[in-house]
Amino acid sequence: MKVKKFATQVDETVLKELKAFAKKSDRSISSVVTEAISEYLLRAKLRPAFRKAMDEVLDDHQELLSRLAK
């Protein structure tokens, strides 16, 4: 994996927690941040697909769901 340096700013409290977590888990801050960003991006990509599928199920089974809600 090719890595690139970049700079950003983060809330001081979050940074302290990040440093403590990295130290406790015997990992680098870079590896924790890379994993966190990767997971966030994956969830962000999946969320629209999940919502679309959920809407389709709700539309297809609206009558049944209404009866179950009673």
N, C-alpha and C. Protein backbone atom coordinates (compact mmCIF):
# COMPACT_ATOMS: atom_id res chain seq x y z
N MET A 1 0.84 -1.17 0.00
CA MET A 1 0.00 0.00 0.00
C MET A 1 0.89 1.24 0.00
N LYS A 2 0.65 2.09 -0.95
CA LYS A 2 1.39 3.34 -1.02
C LYS A 2 0.72 4.34 -0.08
N VAL A 3 1.51 4.99 0.76
CA VAL A 3 0.96 5.95 1.71
C VAL A 3 1.37 7.36 1.33
N LYS A 4 0.50 8.30 1.65
CA LYS A 4 0.74 9.72 1.38
C LYS A 4 0.53 10.48 2.67
N LYS A 5 1.34 11.47 2.91
CA LYS A 5 1.16 12.33 4.06
C LYS A 5 0.11 13.38 3.76
N PHE A 6 -0.68 13.72 4.77
CA PHE A 6 -1.58 14.84 4.65
C PHE A 6 -1.79 15.42 6.04
N ALA A 7 -2.21 16.65 6.07
CA ALA A 7 -2.42 17.32 7.36
C ALA A 7 -3.89 17.68 7.49
N THR A 8 -4.37 17.62 8.71
CA THR A 8 -5.74 18.00 9.00
C THR A 8 -5.81 18.51 10.42
N GLN A 9 -6.96 18.99 10.79
CA GLN A 9 -7.17 19.44 12.15
C GLN A 9 -8.29 18.61 12.77
N VAL A 10 -8.17 18.39 14.07
CA VAL A 10 -9.17 17.60 14.77
C VAL A 10 -9.33 18.19 16.18
N ASP A 11 -10.50 18.01 16.72
CA ASP A 11 -10.78 18.48 18.07
C ASP A 11 -9.75 17.91 19.05
N GLU A 12 -9.32 18.74 19.97
CA GLU A 12 -8.26 18.34 20.92
C GLU A 12 -8.65 17.11 21.73
N THR A 13 -9.89 17.02 22.15
CA THR A 13 -10.35 15.87 22.92
C THR A 13 -10.31 14.60 22.08
N VAL A 14 -10.75 14.71 20.84
CA VAL A 14 -10.72 13.56 19.93
C VAL A 14 -9.29 13.10 19.71
N LEU A 15 -8.38 14.03 19.54
CA LEU A 15 -6.97 13.69 19.33
C LEU A 15 -6.40 12.96 20.55
N LYS A 16 -6.73 13.43 21.73
CA LYS A 16 -6.25 12.75 22.94
C LYS A 16 -6.78 11.32 23.01
N GLU A 17 -8.07 11.15 22.68
CA GLU A 17 -8.65 9.81 22.68
C GLU A 17 -8.01 8.93 21.61
N LEU A 18 -7.75 9.50 20.45
CA LEU A 18 -7.10 8.77 19.37
C LEU A 18 -5.72 8.29 19.80
N LYS A 19 -4.95 9.18 20.37
CA LYS A 19 -3.60 8.81 20.82
C LYS A 19 -3.64 7.72 21.88
N ALA A 20 -4.57 7.85 22.83
CA ALA A 20 -4.70 6.84 23.89
C ALA A 20 -5.12 5.50 23.30
N PHE A 21 -6.07 5.52 22.37
CA PHE A 21 -6.52 4.28 21.74
C PHE A 21 -5.39 3.62 20.97
N ALA A 22 -4.65 4.40 20.19
CA ALA A 22 -3.54 3.85 19.41
C ALA A 22 -2.50 3.22 20.33
N LYS A 23 -2.18 3.92 21.40
CA LYS A 23 -1.18 3.39 22.34
C LYS A 23 -1.67 2.11 23.00
N LYS A 24 -2.93 2.12 23.47
CA LYS A 24 -3.51 0.96 24.15
C LYS A 24 -3.57 -0.25 23.23
N SER A 25 -3.86 -0.02 21.95
CA SER A 25 -3.98 -1.13 21.01
C SER A 25 -2.66 -1.43 20.30
N ASP A 26 -1.59 -0.76 20.73
CA ASP A 26 -0.25 -0.97 20.18
C ASP A 26 -0.23 -0.79 18.66
N ARG A 27 -0.86 0.32 18.23
CA ARG A 27 -0.92 0.65 16.81
C ARG A 27 -0.47 2.08 16.61
N SER A 28 -0.17 2.40 15.37
CA SER A 28 0.19 3.79 15.07
C SER A 28 -1.10 4.59 14.89
N ILE A 29 -0.98 5.89 15.11
CA ILE A 29 -2.11 6.78 14.87
C ILE A 29 -2.52 6.67 13.40
N SER A 30 -1.55 6.60 12.53
CA SER A 30 -1.82 6.50 11.10
C SER A 30 -2.67 5.28 10.76
N SER A 31 -2.35 4.14 11.34
CA SER A 31 -3.12 2.93 11.02
C SER A 31 -4.55 3.02 11.56
N VAL A 32 -4.71 3.61 12.74
CA VAL A 32 -6.05 3.77 13.30
C VAL A 32 -6.88 4.72 12.44
N VAL A 33 -6.28 5.85 12.04
CA VAL A 33 -6.99 6.82 11.21
C VAL A 33 -7.32 6.23 9.84
N THR A 34 -6.39 5.51 9.24
CA THR A 34 -6.64 4.89 7.94
C THR A 34 -7.80 3.91 8.02
N GLU A 35 -7.81 3.08 9.06
CA GLU A 35 -8.90 2.11 9.23
C GLU A 35 -10.24 2.83 9.45
N ALA A 36 -10.23 3.86 10.28
CA ALA A 36 -11.46 4.60 10.57
C ALA A 36 -12.03 5.26 9.32
N ILE A 37 -11.17 5.87 8.54
CA ILE A 37 -11.62 6.53 7.31
C ILE A 37 -12.15 5.49 6.32
N SER A 38 -11.45 4.38 6.18
CA SER A 38 -11.89 3.33 5.26
C SER A 38 -13.26 2.80 5.65
N GLU A 39 -13.47 2.55 6.93
CA GLU A 39 -14.77 2.06 7.40
C GLU A 39 -15.86 3.10 7.20
N TYR A 40 -15.56 4.35 7.45
CA TYR A 40 -16.54 5.42 7.25
C TYR A 40 -16.95 5.49 5.78
N LEU A 41 -15.99 5.46 4.88
CA LEU A 41 -16.29 5.54 3.45
C LEU A 41 -17.12 4.35 2.98
N LEU A 42 -16.80 3.16 3.49
CA LEU A 42 -17.57 1.97 3.13
C LEU A 42 -19.02 2.12 3.58
N ARG A 43 -19.22 2.55 4.83
CA ARG A 43 -20.59 2.75 5.34
C ARG A 43 -21.32 3.81 4.54
N ALA A 44 -20.63 4.88 4.17
CA ALA A 44 -21.26 5.95 3.40
C ALA A 44 -21.70 5.46 2.02
N LYS A 45 -20.94 4.55 1.44
CA LYS A 45 -21.31 4.00 0.14
C LYS A 45 -22.47 3.02 0.26
N LEU A 46 -22.52 2.25 1.32
CA LEU A 46 -23.56 1.24 1.49
C LEU A 46 -24.88 1.84 1.94
N ARG A 47 -24.84 2.93 2.65
CA ARG A 47 -26.05 3.53 3.20
C ARG A 47 -27.11 3.82 2.15
N PRO A 48 -26.78 4.47 1.01
CA PRO A 48 -27.82 4.72 0.01
C PRO A 48 -28.43 3.43 -0.55
N ALA A 49 -27.61 2.42 -0.76
CA ALA A 49 -28.13 1.14 -1.27
C ALA A 49 -29.06 0.50 -0.25
N PHE A 50 -28.71 0.57 1.01
CA PHE A 50 -29.55 0.01 2.06
C PHE A 50 -30.88 0.76 2.12
N ARG A 51 -30.82 2.08 2.07
CA ARG A 51 -32.06 2.87 2.13
C ARG A 51 -32.97 2.56 0.96
N LYS A 52 -32.39 2.42 -0.22
CA LYS A 52 -33.19 2.11 -1.40
C LYS A 52 -33.86 0.75 -1.24
N ALA A 53 -33.11 -0.24 -0.78
CA ALA A 53 -33.68 -1.57 -0.57
C ALA A 53 -34.76 -1.54 0.50
N MET A 54 -34.53 -0.80 1.57
CA MET A 54 -35.52 -0.69 2.64
C MET A 54 -36.80 -0.03 2.12
N ASP A 55 -36.66 1.03 1.34
CA ASP A 55 -37.84 1.70 0.77
C ASP A 55 -38.63 0.76 -0.13
N GLU A 56 -37.93 -0.05 -0.90
CA GLU A 56 -38.61 -1.00 -1.78
C GLU A 56 -39.39 -2.03 -0.97
N VAL A 57 -38.80 -2.54 0.09
CA VAL A 57 -39.49 -3.51 0.94
C VAL A 57 -40.71 -2.87 1.58
N LEU A 58 -40.55 -1.66 2.10
CA LEU A 58 -41.67 -0.98 2.73
C LEU A 58 -42.80 -0.72 1.74
N ASP A 59 -42.45 -0.32 0.54
CA ASP A 59 -43.46 -0.08 -0.50
C ASP A 59 -44.16 -1.37 -0.90
N ASP A 60 -43.38 -2.42 -1.12
CA ASP A 60 -43.94 -3.70 -1.57
C ASP A 60 -44.84 -4.35 -0.53
N HIS A 61 -44.57 -4.10 0.74
CA HIS A 61 -45.30 -4.79 1.81
C HIS A 61 -46.04 -3.83 2.73
N GLN A 62 -46.43 -2.69 2.19
CA GLN A 62 -47.07 -1.66 3.00
C GLN A 62 -48.34 -2.17 3.68
N GLU A 63 -49.18 -2.89 2.97
CA GLU A 63 -50.43 -3.39 3.55
C GLU A 63 -50.15 -4.37 4.69
N LEU A 64 -49.27 -5.31 4.47
CA LEU A 64 -48.93 -6.28 5.50
C LEU A 64 -48.34 -5.60 6.73
N LEU A 65 -47.44 -4.65 6.52
CA LEU A 65 -46.83 -3.94 7.64
C LEU A 65 -47.86 -3.12 8.41
N SER A 66 -48.82 -2.56 7.71
CA SER A 66 -49.90 -1.81 8.40
C SER A 66 -50.73 -2.73 9.25
N ARG A 67 -51.04 -3.92 8.75
CA ARG A 67 -51.81 -4.89 9.54
C ARG A 67 -51.02 -5.38 10.75
N LEU A 68 -49.74 -5.59 10.58
CA LEU A 68 -48.91 -6.04 11.70
C LEU A 68 -48.78 -4.95 12.77
N ALA A 69 -48.83 -3.71 12.37
CA ALA A 69 -48.69 -2.60 13.31
C ALA A 69 -49.91 -2.45 14.21
N LYS A 70 -51.05 -3.02 13.80
CA LYS A 70 -52.30 -2.86 14.59
C LYS A 70 -52.32 -3.75 15.78
